[in-house]
């Protein structure tokens, strides 16, 4: 399974290889701090958009910056291993940028998927995908669950005494 996890430095070569094999490349990304059903549905929907799904996972440093103190709960290697274990996922890469713009430029996917908490217009990497000639796809189920919500529920259940 760890063969699915690639180094950030290998992303450009992976994209070149997949294109040479005439595979359409899909990219999805996120923190995936506590894996839940919404994450699985998002990635399964993304996988349906092409032949090879590459998932970018935010590094521990960027999760702290994006989500705040005390996060992530699981370190980047554990999160990468969990995502790599999903049947829908072909490759996983940990990246250390606040947006996926640089990794998109290296991978050059045909599709960049985001969850339903985004619209095509609000995707931070929209302009990069336009430059690359690719498209944005919003996928997954309605955003009625989140890691933050899960954390709050756990806190409520176990602090009532």
N, C-alpha and C. Protein backbone atom coordinates (compact mmCIF):
# COMPACT_ATOMS: atom_id res chain seq x y z
N UNK A 1 0.81 -1.20 0.00
CA UNK A 1 0.00 0.00 0.00
C UNK A 1 0.85 1.25 0.00
N UNK A 2 1.96 1.25 0.72
CA UNK A 2 2.78 2.45 0.78
C UNK A 2 3.33 2.80 -0.60
N UNK A 3 3.27 1.89 -1.57
CA UNK A 3 3.65 2.21 -2.94
C UNK A 3 2.76 3.27 -3.56
N UNK A 4 1.62 3.49 -2.97
CA UNK A 4 0.71 4.55 -3.43
C UNK A 4 1.19 5.93 -2.99
N UNK A 5 1.99 5.98 -1.93
CA UNK A 5 2.43 7.26 -1.39
C UNK A 5 3.73 7.66 -2.08
N UNK A 6 3.69 8.81 -2.72
CA UNK A 6 4.86 9.27 -3.46
C UNK A 6 5.41 10.55 -2.84
N UNK A 7 6.67 10.81 -3.09
CA UNK A 7 7.30 12.03 -2.61
C UNK A 7 6.85 13.22 -3.45
N UNK A 8 6.81 14.37 -2.83
CA UNK A 8 6.41 15.59 -3.56
C UNK A 8 7.31 15.80 -4.79
N UNK A 9 8.56 15.45 -4.67
CA UNK A 9 9.51 15.64 -5.77
C UNK A 9 9.22 14.73 -6.96
N UNK A 10 8.38 13.72 -6.79
CA UNK A 10 8.07 12.77 -7.87
C UNK A 10 6.79 13.12 -8.64
N UNK A 11 6.11 14.18 -8.24
CA UNK A 11 4.80 14.50 -8.82
C UNK A 11 4.88 14.80 -10.31
N UNK A 12 5.85 15.61 -10.72
CA UNK A 12 5.95 15.96 -12.15
C UNK A 12 6.17 14.70 -12.99
N UNK A 13 7.06 13.82 -12.55
CA UNK A 13 7.33 12.58 -13.29
C UNK A 13 6.10 11.68 -13.31
N UNK A 14 5.36 11.63 -12.22
CA UNK A 14 4.14 10.83 -12.19
C UNK A 14 3.15 11.34 -13.22
N UNK A 15 2.94 12.65 -13.26
CA UNK A 15 2.03 13.22 -14.25
C UNK A 15 2.47 12.91 -15.67
N UNK A 16 3.76 13.05 -15.94
CA UNK A 16 4.28 12.75 -17.28
C UNK A 16 4.05 11.28 -17.64
N UNK A 17 4.30 10.38 -16.68
CA UNK A 17 4.12 8.95 -16.94
C UNK A 17 2.65 8.61 -17.20
N UNK A 18 1.77 9.13 -16.36
CA UNK A 18 0.35 8.83 -16.54
C UNK A 18 -0.17 9.34 -17.87
N UNK A 19 0.24 10.54 -18.26
CA UNK A 19 -0.17 11.07 -19.57
C UNK A 19 0.40 10.23 -20.71
N UNK A 20 1.64 9.75 -20.57
CA UNK A 20 2.23 8.92 -21.63
C UNK A 20 1.49 7.59 -21.76
N UNK A 21 0.84 7.17 -20.67
CA UNK A 21 0.02 5.95 -20.69
C UNK A 21 -1.43 6.25 -21.07
N UNK A 22 -1.68 7.48 -21.48
CA UNK A 22 -3.02 7.94 -21.91
C UNK A 22 -4.07 7.82 -20.81
N UNK A 23 -3.63 8.04 -19.58
CA UNK A 23 -4.57 8.05 -18.45
C UNK A 23 -4.97 9.48 -18.14
N UNK A 24 -6.25 9.69 -17.90
CA UNK A 24 -6.70 11.02 -17.48
C UNK A 24 -6.46 11.14 -15.97
N UNK A 25 -5.89 12.28 -15.57
CA UNK A 25 -5.46 12.49 -14.19
C UNK A 25 -6.46 13.39 -13.47
N UNK A 26 -6.83 12.97 -12.27
CA UNK A 26 -7.70 13.75 -11.40
C UNK A 26 -6.92 14.05 -10.13
N UNK A 27 -7.05 15.27 -9.64
CA UNK A 27 -6.40 15.65 -8.39
C UNK A 27 -7.45 16.12 -7.40
N UNK A 28 -7.33 15.67 -6.17
CA UNK A 28 -8.16 16.14 -5.05
C UNK A 28 -7.23 16.39 -3.88
N UNK A 29 -7.62 17.25 -2.98
CA UNK A 29 -6.74 17.53 -1.85
C UNK A 29 -7.52 17.91 -0.61
N UNK A 30 -6.82 17.84 0.52
CA UNK A 30 -7.43 18.23 1.78
C UNK A 30 -6.53 17.91 2.95
N UNK A 31 -7.02 18.23 4.14
CA UNK A 31 -6.28 17.94 5.37
C UNK A 31 -6.51 16.51 5.83
N UNK A 32 -7.75 16.04 5.72
CA UNK A 32 -8.11 14.66 6.10
C UNK A 32 -7.63 14.33 7.50
N UNK A 33 -7.89 15.25 8.44
CA UNK A 33 -7.36 15.09 9.79
C UNK A 33 -7.99 13.91 10.53
N UNK A 34 -9.30 13.83 10.57
CA UNK A 34 -9.98 12.66 11.11
C UNK A 34 -10.87 12.15 9.99
N UNK A 35 -10.51 11.05 9.42
CA UNK A 35 -11.22 10.52 8.26
C UNK A 35 -12.68 10.23 8.61
N UNK A 36 -13.60 10.73 7.78
CA UNK A 36 -15.03 10.46 7.98
C UNK A 36 -15.70 10.17 6.65
N UNK A 37 -16.96 9.81 6.69
CA UNK A 37 -17.70 9.38 5.50
C UNK A 37 -17.69 10.46 4.41
N UNK A 38 -17.75 11.72 4.78
CA UNK A 38 -17.72 12.78 3.79
C UNK A 38 -16.43 12.78 2.97
N UNK A 39 -15.31 12.50 3.63
CA UNK A 39 -14.04 12.40 2.91
C UNK A 39 -14.09 11.26 1.90
N UNK A 40 -14.59 10.11 2.34
CA UNK A 40 -14.66 8.94 1.46
C UNK A 40 -15.54 9.23 0.25
N UNK A 41 -16.69 9.83 0.48
CA UNK A 41 -17.61 10.16 -0.62
C UNK A 41 -17.00 11.18 -1.59
N UNK A 42 -16.29 12.15 -1.05
CA UNK A 42 -15.60 13.15 -1.88
C UNK A 42 -14.57 12.46 -2.78
N UNK A 43 -13.77 11.58 -2.21
CA UNK A 43 -12.72 10.92 -3.00
C UNK A 43 -13.30 9.89 -3.97
N UNK A 44 -14.36 9.21 -3.59
CA UNK A 44 -15.00 8.29 -4.53
C UNK A 44 -15.58 9.06 -5.71
N UNK A 45 -16.19 10.20 -5.44
CA UNK A 45 -16.72 11.04 -6.52
C UNK A 45 -15.61 11.56 -7.42
N UNK A 46 -14.50 11.94 -6.82
CA UNK A 46 -13.35 12.43 -7.59
C UNK A 46 -12.81 11.33 -8.50
N UNK A 47 -12.71 10.12 -7.98
CA UNK A 47 -12.16 9.00 -8.76
C UNK A 47 -12.99 8.72 -10.01
N UNK A 48 -14.26 9.04 -9.97
CA UNK A 48 -15.14 8.80 -11.11
C UNK A 48 -14.89 9.79 -12.25
N UNK A 49 -14.08 10.81 -12.01
CA UNK A 49 -13.84 11.85 -13.01
C UNK A 49 -12.70 11.53 -13.97
N UNK A 50 -12.00 10.43 -13.76
CA UNK A 50 -10.88 10.09 -14.64
C UNK A 50 -10.32 8.73 -14.32
N UNK A 51 -9.12 8.47 -14.85
CA UNK A 51 -8.49 7.16 -14.71
C UNK A 51 -7.63 7.02 -13.47
N UNK A 52 -6.93 8.07 -13.09
CA UNK A 52 -5.98 8.01 -11.97
C UNK A 52 -6.25 9.15 -11.01
N UNK A 53 -6.55 8.81 -9.75
CA UNK A 53 -6.80 9.83 -8.73
C UNK A 53 -5.55 10.02 -7.88
N UNK A 54 -5.04 11.24 -7.89
CA UNK A 54 -3.91 11.64 -7.06
C UNK A 54 -4.47 12.55 -5.97
N UNK A 55 -4.19 12.21 -4.72
CA UNK A 55 -4.71 12.99 -3.60
C UNK A 55 -3.57 13.69 -2.89
N UNK A 56 -3.68 15.00 -2.78
CA UNK A 56 -2.72 15.80 -2.05
C UNK A 56 -3.18 15.97 -0.61
N UNK A 57 -2.29 15.73 0.33
CA UNK A 57 -2.59 15.87 1.75
C UNK A 57 -1.74 17.01 2.31
N UNK A 58 -2.42 17.94 2.97
CA UNK A 58 -1.68 19.04 3.58
C UNK A 58 -0.73 18.54 4.64
N UNK A 59 0.46 19.10 4.66
CA UNK A 59 1.46 18.76 5.67
C UNK A 59 0.97 19.17 7.06
N UNK A 60 1.61 18.65 8.08
CA UNK A 60 1.26 19.03 9.45
C UNK A 60 1.35 20.54 9.64
N UNK A 61 2.39 21.15 9.09
CA UNK A 61 2.57 22.61 9.23
C UNK A 61 1.40 23.36 8.63
N UNK A 62 0.98 22.98 7.42
CA UNK A 62 -0.11 23.72 6.79
C UNK A 62 -1.45 23.45 7.46
N UNK A 63 -1.66 22.25 8.00
CA UNK A 63 -2.90 21.98 8.75
C UNK A 63 -2.96 22.90 9.96
N UNK A 64 -1.86 23.05 10.68
CA UNK A 64 -1.83 23.97 11.84
C UNK A 64 -2.18 25.38 11.41
N UNK A 65 -1.64 25.82 10.29
CA UNK A 65 -1.91 27.16 9.80
C UNK A 65 -3.38 27.31 9.39
N UNK A 66 -3.92 26.31 8.70
CA UNK A 66 -5.28 26.39 8.20
C UNK A 66 -6.34 26.13 9.26
N UNK A 67 -6.08 25.23 10.19
CA UNK A 67 -7.09 24.78 11.14
C UNK A 67 -6.89 25.28 12.56
N UNK A 68 -5.69 25.75 12.88
CA UNK A 68 -5.45 26.31 14.20
C UNK A 68 -4.69 25.41 15.14
N UNK A 69 -4.46 25.92 16.35
CA UNK A 69 -3.68 25.18 17.36
C UNK A 69 -4.35 23.84 17.69
N UNK A 70 -3.52 22.86 17.99
CA UNK A 70 -4.01 21.55 18.36
C UNK A 70 -4.31 20.63 17.18
N UNK A 71 -4.16 21.14 15.99
CA UNK A 71 -4.39 20.33 14.80
C UNK A 71 -3.06 20.17 14.08
N UNK A 72 -2.83 19.13 13.36
CA UNK A 72 -3.72 18.00 13.16
C UNK A 72 -3.70 17.04 14.35
N UNK A 73 -4.72 16.18 14.41
CA UNK A 73 -4.75 15.13 15.42
C UNK A 73 -3.86 13.97 15.00
N UNK A 74 -3.90 13.65 13.72
CA UNK A 74 -3.06 12.59 13.16
C UNK A 74 -1.95 13.23 12.36
N UNK A 75 -0.74 12.71 12.48
CA UNK A 75 0.36 13.31 11.72
C UNK A 75 0.22 13.00 10.23
N UNK A 76 0.97 13.70 9.43
CA UNK A 76 0.83 13.61 7.97
C UNK A 76 1.08 12.21 7.44
N UNK A 77 1.99 11.47 8.03
CA UNK A 77 2.25 10.10 7.56
C UNK A 77 1.06 9.19 7.83
N UNK A 78 0.45 9.33 8.99
CA UNK A 78 -0.73 8.52 9.32
C UNK A 78 -1.89 8.89 8.40
N UNK A 79 -2.09 10.18 8.17
CA UNK A 79 -3.17 10.61 7.28
C UNK A 79 -2.94 10.11 5.86
N UNK A 80 -1.70 10.15 5.40
CA UNK A 80 -1.39 9.65 4.05
C UNK A 80 -1.66 8.16 3.96
N UNK A 81 -1.30 7.41 4.98
CA UNK A 81 -1.53 5.97 4.97
C UNK A 81 -3.02 5.64 4.94
N UNK A 82 -3.82 6.36 5.71
CA UNK A 82 -5.27 6.13 5.71
C UNK A 82 -5.88 6.42 4.34
N UNK A 83 -5.51 7.53 3.75
CA UNK A 83 -6.06 7.89 2.43
C UNK A 83 -5.59 6.89 1.38
N UNK A 84 -4.34 6.47 1.45
CA UNK A 84 -3.81 5.48 0.49
C UNK A 84 -4.55 4.15 0.60
N UNK A 85 -5.11 3.84 1.76
CA UNK A 85 -5.81 2.58 1.95
C UNK A 85 -7.18 2.56 1.25
N UNK A 86 -7.66 3.72 0.83
CA UNK A 86 -8.96 3.77 0.17
C UNK A 86 -8.86 3.24 -1.26
N UNK A 87 -9.80 2.42 -1.63
CA UNK A 87 -9.83 1.79 -2.96
C UNK A 87 -9.85 2.83 -4.08
N UNK A 88 -10.53 3.95 -3.87
CA UNK A 88 -10.69 4.95 -4.92
C UNK A 88 -9.40 5.71 -5.24
N UNK A 89 -8.43 5.65 -4.34
CA UNK A 89 -7.22 6.47 -4.44
C UNK A 89 -6.08 5.69 -5.09
N UNK A 90 -5.45 6.31 -6.10
CA UNK A 90 -4.32 5.68 -6.78
C UNK A 90 -2.98 6.12 -6.22
N UNK A 91 -2.87 7.42 -5.90
CA UNK A 91 -1.60 7.96 -5.39
C UNK A 91 -1.90 9.03 -4.34
N UNK A 92 -0.99 9.15 -3.39
CA UNK A 92 -1.09 10.15 -2.33
C UNK A 92 0.24 10.88 -2.25
N UNK A 93 0.16 12.19 -2.07
CA UNK A 93 1.36 13.00 -1.91
C UNK A 93 1.11 14.04 -0.83
N UNK A 94 2.08 14.22 0.05
CA UNK A 94 1.99 15.25 1.09
C UNK A 94 2.62 16.52 0.52
N UNK A 95 1.90 17.63 0.66
CA UNK A 95 2.47 18.89 0.16
C UNK A 95 2.44 19.96 1.26
N UNK A 96 3.36 20.91 1.16
CA UNK A 96 3.60 21.86 2.24
C UNK A 96 3.24 23.29 1.87
N UNK A 97 2.30 23.47 0.96
CA UNK A 97 1.86 24.80 0.56
C UNK A 97 0.43 25.01 1.07
N UNK A 98 0.03 26.27 1.25
CA UNK A 98 -1.31 26.56 1.74
C UNK A 98 -2.39 26.32 0.68
N UNK A 99 -2.00 26.40 -0.60
CA UNK A 99 -2.92 26.03 -1.68
C UNK A 99 -2.24 24.95 -2.52
N UNK A 100 -3.01 24.37 -3.40
CA UNK A 100 -2.49 23.29 -4.25
C UNK A 100 -1.96 23.81 -5.59
N UNK A 101 -1.78 25.10 -5.73
CA UNK A 101 -1.37 25.66 -7.02
C UNK A 101 -0.08 25.07 -7.56
N UNK A 102 0.96 25.00 -6.75
CA UNK A 102 2.26 24.51 -7.23
C UNK A 102 2.19 23.03 -7.63
N UNK A 103 1.52 22.23 -6.84
CA UNK A 103 1.43 20.81 -7.15
C UNK A 103 0.58 20.60 -8.41
N UNK A 104 -0.44 21.42 -8.61
CA UNK A 104 -1.24 21.33 -9.84
C UNK A 104 -0.38 21.65 -11.06
N UNK A 105 0.48 22.66 -10.94
CA UNK A 105 1.36 23.01 -12.06
C UNK A 105 2.32 21.87 -12.40
N UNK A 106 2.77 21.15 -11.38
CA UNK A 106 3.69 20.03 -11.62
C UNK A 106 2.96 18.80 -12.16
N UNK A 107 1.81 18.48 -11.60
CA UNK A 107 1.06 17.28 -12.00
C UNK A 107 0.32 17.48 -13.32
N UNK A 108 -0.23 18.66 -13.52
CA UNK A 108 -1.03 19.02 -14.70
C UNK A 108 -2.20 18.06 -14.94
N UNK A 109 -3.09 17.94 -13.94
CA UNK A 109 -4.24 17.05 -14.11
C UNK A 109 -5.28 17.68 -15.05
N UNK A 110 -6.13 16.85 -15.58
CA UNK A 110 -7.23 17.35 -16.40
C UNK A 110 -8.38 17.85 -15.55
N UNK A 111 -8.48 17.32 -14.32
CA UNK A 111 -9.58 17.68 -13.43
C UNK A 111 -9.04 17.92 -12.02
N UNK A 112 -9.52 19.00 -11.41
CA UNK A 112 -9.21 19.29 -10.00
C UNK A 112 -10.53 19.25 -9.25
N UNK A 113 -10.66 18.29 -8.33
CA UNK A 113 -11.92 18.13 -7.59
C UNK A 113 -11.83 18.79 -6.21
N UNK A 114 -12.92 19.40 -5.84
CA UNK A 114 -13.09 19.97 -4.51
C UNK A 114 -14.42 19.51 -3.96
N UNK A 115 -14.57 19.60 -2.65
CA UNK A 115 -15.80 19.17 -1.99
C UNK A 115 -16.92 20.18 -2.14
N UNK A 116 -18.09 19.79 -1.68
CA UNK A 116 -19.29 20.61 -1.88
C UNK A 116 -19.33 21.86 -1.00
N UNK A 117 -18.33 22.06 -0.17
CA UNK A 117 -18.25 23.32 0.56
C UNK A 117 -17.65 24.42 -0.32
N UNK A 118 -17.31 24.08 -1.56
CA UNK A 118 -16.82 25.04 -2.55
C UNK A 118 -17.82 25.15 -3.69
N UNK A 119 -17.70 26.24 -4.43
CA UNK A 119 -18.36 26.35 -5.73
C UNK A 119 -17.22 26.46 -6.74
N UNK A 120 -17.52 26.27 -8.02
CA UNK A 120 -16.44 26.38 -9.01
C UNK A 120 -15.74 27.73 -8.92
N UNK A 121 -16.50 28.78 -8.62
CA UNK A 121 -15.94 30.12 -8.54
C UNK A 121 -15.08 30.34 -7.30
N UNK A 122 -15.34 29.60 -6.22
CA UNK A 122 -14.61 29.83 -4.97
C UNK A 122 -13.36 28.95 -4.81
N UNK A 123 -13.11 28.06 -5.74
CA UNK A 123 -11.93 27.19 -5.64
C UNK A 123 -10.67 28.05 -5.78
N UNK A 124 -9.79 28.03 -4.77
CA UNK A 124 -8.60 28.90 -4.81
C UNK A 124 -7.70 28.66 -6.03
N UNK A 125 -7.68 27.45 -6.54
CA UNK A 125 -6.79 27.10 -7.65
C UNK A 125 -7.47 27.19 -9.01
N UNK A 126 -8.64 27.83 -9.08
CA UNK A 126 -9.41 27.90 -10.33
C UNK A 126 -8.60 28.49 -11.47
N UNK A 127 -7.91 29.59 -11.24
CA UNK A 127 -7.14 30.25 -12.31
C UNK A 127 -6.02 29.35 -12.83
N UNK A 128 -5.37 28.62 -11.94
CA UNK A 128 -4.31 27.69 -12.35
C UNK A 128 -4.89 26.62 -13.27
N UNK A 129 -6.04 26.09 -12.90
CA UNK A 129 -6.66 25.05 -13.74
C UNK A 129 -7.07 25.63 -15.10
N UNK A 130 -7.52 26.86 -15.12
CA UNK A 130 -7.83 27.50 -16.40
C UNK A 130 -6.57 27.62 -17.25
N UNK A 131 -5.47 28.04 -16.64
CA UNK A 131 -4.19 28.16 -17.34
C UNK A 131 -3.75 26.81 -17.92
N UNK A 132 -4.00 25.75 -17.15
CA UNK A 132 -3.58 24.41 -17.57
C UNK A 132 -4.55 23.79 -18.58
N UNK A 133 -5.68 24.42 -18.80
CA UNK A 133 -6.67 23.88 -19.72
C UNK A 133 -7.51 22.76 -19.12
N UNK A 134 -7.49 22.66 -17.80
CA UNK A 134 -8.27 21.64 -17.11
C UNK A 134 -9.58 22.20 -16.59
N UNK A 135 -10.29 21.36 -15.85
CA UNK A 135 -11.57 21.81 -15.32
C UNK A 135 -11.66 21.55 -13.82
N UNK A 136 -12.56 22.26 -13.19
CA UNK A 136 -12.87 22.10 -11.77
C UNK A 136 -14.11 21.23 -11.68
N UNK A 137 -14.15 20.34 -10.72
CA UNK A 137 -15.32 19.50 -10.49
C UNK A 137 -15.63 19.53 -8.99
N UNK A 138 -16.86 19.87 -8.66
CA UNK A 138 -17.32 19.83 -7.28
C UNK A 138 -17.98 18.47 -7.07
N UNK A 139 -17.50 17.73 -6.08
CA UNK A 139 -17.98 16.36 -5.91
C UNK A 139 -18.15 16.02 -4.43
N UNK A 140 -18.86 14.95 -4.19
CA UNK A 140 -19.11 14.49 -2.83
C UNK A 140 -20.54 14.78 -2.43
N UNK A 141 -20.86 14.45 -1.21
CA UNK A 141 -22.21 14.68 -0.71
C UNK A 141 -22.29 16.06 -0.08
N UNK A 142 -23.50 16.51 0.27
CA UNK A 142 -23.63 17.83 0.91
C UNK A 142 -22.76 17.91 2.16
N UNK A 143 -22.23 19.07 2.41
CA UNK A 143 -21.31 19.27 3.54
C UNK A 143 -22.11 19.39 4.84
N UNK A 144 -22.65 18.26 5.30
CA UNK A 144 -23.38 18.27 6.56
C UNK A 144 -22.62 17.51 7.65
N UNK A 145 -21.33 17.34 7.43
CA UNK A 145 -20.45 16.74 8.42
C UNK A 145 -19.05 17.29 8.18
N UNK A 146 -18.28 17.37 9.23
CA UNK A 146 -16.91 17.87 9.11
C UNK A 146 -16.10 17.35 10.28
N UNK A 147 -14.80 17.45 10.14
CA UNK A 147 -13.92 17.06 11.24
C UNK A 147 -14.21 17.93 12.45
N UNK A 148 -14.40 19.22 12.24
CA UNK A 148 -14.68 20.15 13.35
C UNK A 148 -15.96 19.73 14.08
N UNK A 149 -16.99 19.37 13.31
CA UNK A 149 -18.25 18.92 13.90
C UNK A 149 -18.05 17.62 14.69
N UNK A 150 -17.28 16.71 14.14
CA UNK A 150 -16.99 15.45 14.81
C UNK A 150 -16.27 15.69 16.14
N UNK A 151 -15.32 16.60 16.14
CA UNK A 151 -14.57 16.93 17.35
C UNK A 151 -15.51 17.50 18.42
N UNK A 152 -16.40 18.40 18.00
CA UNK A 152 -17.35 18.99 18.94
C UNK A 152 -18.27 17.92 19.55
N UNK A 153 -18.72 16.99 18.73
CA UNK A 153 -19.59 15.93 19.22
C UNK A 153 -18.86 15.05 20.23
N UNK A 154 -17.62 14.72 19.95
CA UNK A 154 -16.82 13.92 20.89
C UNK A 154 -16.64 14.67 22.21
N UNK A 155 -16.33 15.95 22.12
CA UNK A 155 -16.15 16.76 23.34
C UNK A 155 -17.42 16.79 24.16
N UNK A 156 -18.56 16.98 23.51
CA UNK A 156 -19.82 17.04 24.23
C UNK A 156 -20.15 15.71 24.91
N UNK A 157 -19.93 14.62 24.22
CA UNK A 157 -20.25 13.30 24.78
C UNK A 157 -19.38 12.95 25.98
N UNK A 158 -18.13 13.36 25.94
CA UNK A 158 -17.20 12.89 26.96
C UNK A 158 -16.85 13.94 28.01
N UNK A 159 -17.48 15.10 27.97
CA UNK A 159 -17.23 16.08 29.02
C UNK A 159 -18.47 16.30 29.88
N UNK A 160 -19.54 15.57 29.61
CA UNK A 160 -20.77 15.73 30.40
C UNK A 160 -20.67 15.02 31.74
N UNK A 161 -19.72 14.13 31.90
CA UNK A 161 -19.46 13.45 33.16
C UNK A 161 -20.53 12.53 33.51
